[in-house]
Amino acid sequence: MKRIDPTQIAKAILAAPGWARVGITAPSPVMRDDAADEMARVILNHIEQPPMETDERQIGLAL
């Protein structure tokens, strides 16, 4: 079994939508469950398909 690097998980959490990061502390159990599901999806997606490394010198274009 492949060991998961905690740094990967931390990056995935920070890449999750803001509503999910805040939602896990919501008083509503439904909101907490939805937020936890979204966080889990983001973490799994980040681990399975890590983001491409970009050159810091490259200028990003606005979408």
N, C-alpha and C. Protein backbone atom coordinates (compact mmCIF):
# COMPACT_ATOMS: atom_id res chain seq x y z
N MET A 1 0.83 -1.18 0.00
CA MET A 1 0.00 0.00 0.00
C MET A 1 0.88 1.25 0.00
N LYS A 2 0.49 2.20 -0.80
CA LYS A 2 1.25 3.44 -0.93
C LYS A 2 0.95 4.37 0.25
N ARG A 3 1.98 4.92 0.84
CA ARG A 3 1.81 5.86 1.95
C ARG A 3 1.45 7.23 1.40
N ILE A 4 0.46 7.86 2.02
CA ILE A 4 0.01 9.18 1.59
C ILE A 4 0.77 10.24 2.39
N ASP A 5 1.32 11.19 1.68
CA ASP A 5 2.08 12.27 2.29
C ASP A 5 1.12 13.29 2.92
N PRO A 6 1.29 13.63 4.20
CA PRO A 6 0.42 14.61 4.84
C PRO A 6 0.42 15.97 4.13
N THR A 7 1.52 16.29 3.46
CA THR A 7 1.58 17.55 2.72
C THR A 7 0.58 17.55 1.59
N GLN A 8 0.39 16.39 0.94
CA GLN A 8 -0.60 16.29 -0.13
C GLN A 8 -2.01 16.55 0.41
N ILE A 9 -2.31 16.00 1.57
CA ILE A 9 -3.63 16.19 2.17
C ILE A 9 -3.83 17.65 2.54
N ALA A 10 -2.81 18.27 3.12
CA ALA A 10 -2.91 19.67 3.50
C ALA A 10 -3.16 20.55 2.28
N LYS A 11 -2.45 20.28 1.18
CA LYS A 11 -2.65 21.06 -0.05
C LYS A 11 -4.06 20.86 -0.59
N ALA A 12 -4.56 19.62 -0.51
CA ALA A 12 -5.90 19.32 -0.99
C ALA A 12 -6.95 20.05 -0.16
N ILE A 13 -6.77 20.09 1.14
CA ILE A 13 -7.72 20.80 2.01
C ILE A 13 -7.75 22.28 1.66
N LEU A 14 -6.58 22.85 1.45
CA LEU A 14 -6.52 24.27 1.10
C LEU A 14 -7.09 24.55 -0.29
N ALA A 15 -7.10 23.53 -1.16
CA ALA A 15 -7.65 23.70 -2.50
C ALA A 15 -9.16 23.49 -2.53
N ALA A 16 -9.73 23.00 -1.45
CA ALA A 16 -11.18 22.76 -1.39
C ALA A 16 -11.94 24.09 -1.41
N PRO A 17 -13.17 24.06 -1.89
CA PRO A 17 -13.97 25.29 -1.90
C PRO A 17 -14.13 25.85 -0.48
N GLY A 18 -14.18 27.15 -0.39
CA GLY A 18 -14.31 27.81 0.90
C GLY A 18 -15.54 27.37 1.68
N TRP A 19 -16.67 27.17 0.95
CA TRP A 19 -17.90 26.78 1.66
C TRP A 19 -17.72 25.44 2.36
N ALA A 20 -16.93 24.54 1.77
CA ALA A 20 -16.72 23.22 2.38
C ALA A 20 -15.83 23.34 3.61
N ARG A 21 -14.81 24.18 3.52
CA ARG A 21 -13.92 24.36 4.67
C ARG A 21 -14.65 24.99 5.84
N VAL A 22 -15.53 25.94 5.56
CA VAL A 22 -16.31 26.57 6.62
C VAL A 22 -17.47 25.67 7.03
N GLY A 23 -18.04 24.98 6.05
CA GLY A 23 -19.22 24.16 6.29
C GLY A 23 -19.02 23.02 7.27
N ILE A 24 -17.81 22.54 7.43
CA ILE A 24 -17.60 21.44 8.38
C ILE A 24 -17.76 21.89 9.82
N THR A 25 -17.83 23.20 10.04
CA THR A 25 -18.06 23.72 11.40
C THR A 25 -19.47 24.25 11.58
N ALA A 26 -20.34 24.08 10.58
CA ALA A 26 -21.71 24.61 10.64
C ALA A 26 -22.53 23.89 11.71
N PRO A 27 -23.50 24.59 12.30
CA PRO A 27 -24.35 23.96 13.31
C PRO A 27 -25.31 22.92 12.71
N SER A 28 -25.58 23.02 11.43
CA SER A 28 -26.51 22.09 10.78
C SER A 28 -25.82 20.77 10.43
N PRO A 29 -26.36 19.64 10.90
CA PRO A 29 -25.74 18.35 10.57
C PRO A 29 -25.74 18.07 9.06
N VAL A 30 -26.77 18.53 8.37
CA VAL A 30 -26.84 18.32 6.92
C VAL A 30 -25.72 19.09 6.23
N MET A 31 -25.49 20.33 6.63
CA MET A 31 -24.42 21.13 6.04
C MET A 31 -23.05 20.52 6.34
N ARG A 32 -22.86 20.06 7.58
CA ARG A 32 -21.58 19.42 7.93
C ARG A 32 -21.34 18.17 7.09
N ASP A 33 -22.39 17.37 6.90
CA ASP A 33 -22.25 16.16 6.09
C ASP A 33 -21.91 16.49 4.64
N ASP A 34 -22.61 17.48 4.07
CA ASP A 34 -22.33 17.89 2.69
C ASP A 34 -20.91 18.42 2.55
N ALA A 35 -20.49 19.22 3.52
CA ALA A 35 -19.14 19.79 3.48
C ALA A 35 -18.09 18.69 3.62
N ALA A 36 -18.33 17.74 4.50
CA ALA A 36 -17.37 16.64 4.69
C ALA A 36 -17.27 15.79 3.42
N ASP A 37 -18.41 15.54 2.77
CA ASP A 37 -18.40 14.79 1.50
C ASP A 37 -17.58 15.52 0.45
N GLU A 38 -17.77 16.84 0.35
CA GLU A 38 -17.02 17.63 -0.64
C GLU A 38 -15.53 17.62 -0.32
N MET A 39 -15.19 17.77 0.95
CA MET A 39 -13.77 17.74 1.34
C MET A 39 -13.15 16.39 0.98
N ALA A 40 -13.87 15.30 1.24
CA ALA A 40 -13.36 13.97 0.92
C ALA A 40 -13.15 13.82 -0.58
N ARG A 41 -14.11 14.33 -1.39
CA ARG A 41 -13.96 14.26 -2.86
C ARG A 41 -12.73 15.03 -3.32
N VAL A 42 -12.53 16.22 -2.77
CA VAL A 42 -11.40 17.05 -3.16
C VAL A 42 -10.08 16.37 -2.79
N ILE A 43 -10.01 15.81 -1.60
CA ILE A 43 -8.79 15.15 -1.15
C ILE A 43 -8.49 13.94 -2.03
N LEU A 44 -9.48 13.10 -2.28
CA LEU A 44 -9.27 11.93 -3.13
C LEU A 44 -8.86 12.32 -4.54
N ASN A 45 -9.52 13.33 -5.09
CA ASN A 45 -9.18 13.79 -6.44
C ASN A 45 -7.76 14.33 -6.48
N HIS A 46 -7.38 15.07 -5.45
CA HIS A 46 -6.03 15.65 -5.39
C HIS A 46 -4.96 14.56 -5.31
N ILE A 47 -5.25 13.50 -4.56
CA ILE A 47 -4.28 12.41 -4.40
C ILE A 47 -4.20 11.57 -5.67
N GLU A 48 -5.36 11.28 -6.27
CA GLU A 48 -5.39 10.44 -7.47
C GLU A 48 -4.85 11.17 -8.69
N GLN A 49 -5.13 12.47 -8.81
CA GLN A 49 -4.69 13.27 -9.94
C GLN A 49 -4.04 14.54 -9.43
N PRO A 50 -2.79 14.47 -9.00
CA PRO A 50 -2.13 15.66 -8.46
C PRO A 50 -2.08 16.78 -9.50
N PRO A 51 -2.19 18.02 -9.03
CA PRO A 51 -2.13 19.15 -9.96
C PRO A 51 -0.78 19.21 -10.67
N MET A 52 -0.81 19.70 -11.89
CA MET A 52 0.43 19.83 -12.65
C MET A 52 1.31 20.90 -12.02
N GLU A 53 2.59 20.63 -11.98
CA GLU A 53 3.54 21.61 -11.48
C GLU A 53 3.71 22.70 -12.54
N THR A 54 3.68 23.94 -12.10
CA THR A 54 3.86 25.04 -13.04
C THR A 54 5.13 25.80 -12.69
N ASP A 55 5.67 26.43 -13.68
CA ASP A 55 6.86 27.24 -13.49
C ASP A 55 6.45 28.57 -12.88
N GLU A 56 7.05 28.94 -11.76
CA GLU A 56 6.69 30.18 -11.06
C GLU A 56 6.94 31.42 -11.92
N ARG A 57 7.82 31.30 -12.90
CA ARG A 57 8.14 32.44 -13.76
C ARG A 57 7.09 32.66 -14.84
N GLN A 58 6.19 31.69 -15.02
CA GLN A 58 5.18 31.81 -16.05
C GLN A 58 4.02 32.69 -15.56
N ILE A 59 3.58 33.59 -16.39
CA ILE A 59 2.49 34.48 -16.02
C ILE A 59 1.16 33.76 -16.28
N GLY A 60 0.30 33.77 -15.27
CA GLY A 60 -1.01 33.14 -15.41
C GLY A 60 -1.97 34.07 -16.13
N LEU A 61 -2.82 33.49 -16.95
CA LEU A 61 -3.82 34.28 -17.67
C LEU A 61 -5.16 34.17 -16.98
N ALA A 62 -5.86 35.28 -16.87
CA ALA A 62 -7.18 35.28 -16.26
C ALA A 62 -8.16 34.55 -17.17
N LEU A 63 -9.06 33.83 -16.57
CA LEU A 63 -10.06 33.09 -17.35
C LEU A 63 -11.29 33.92 -17.57
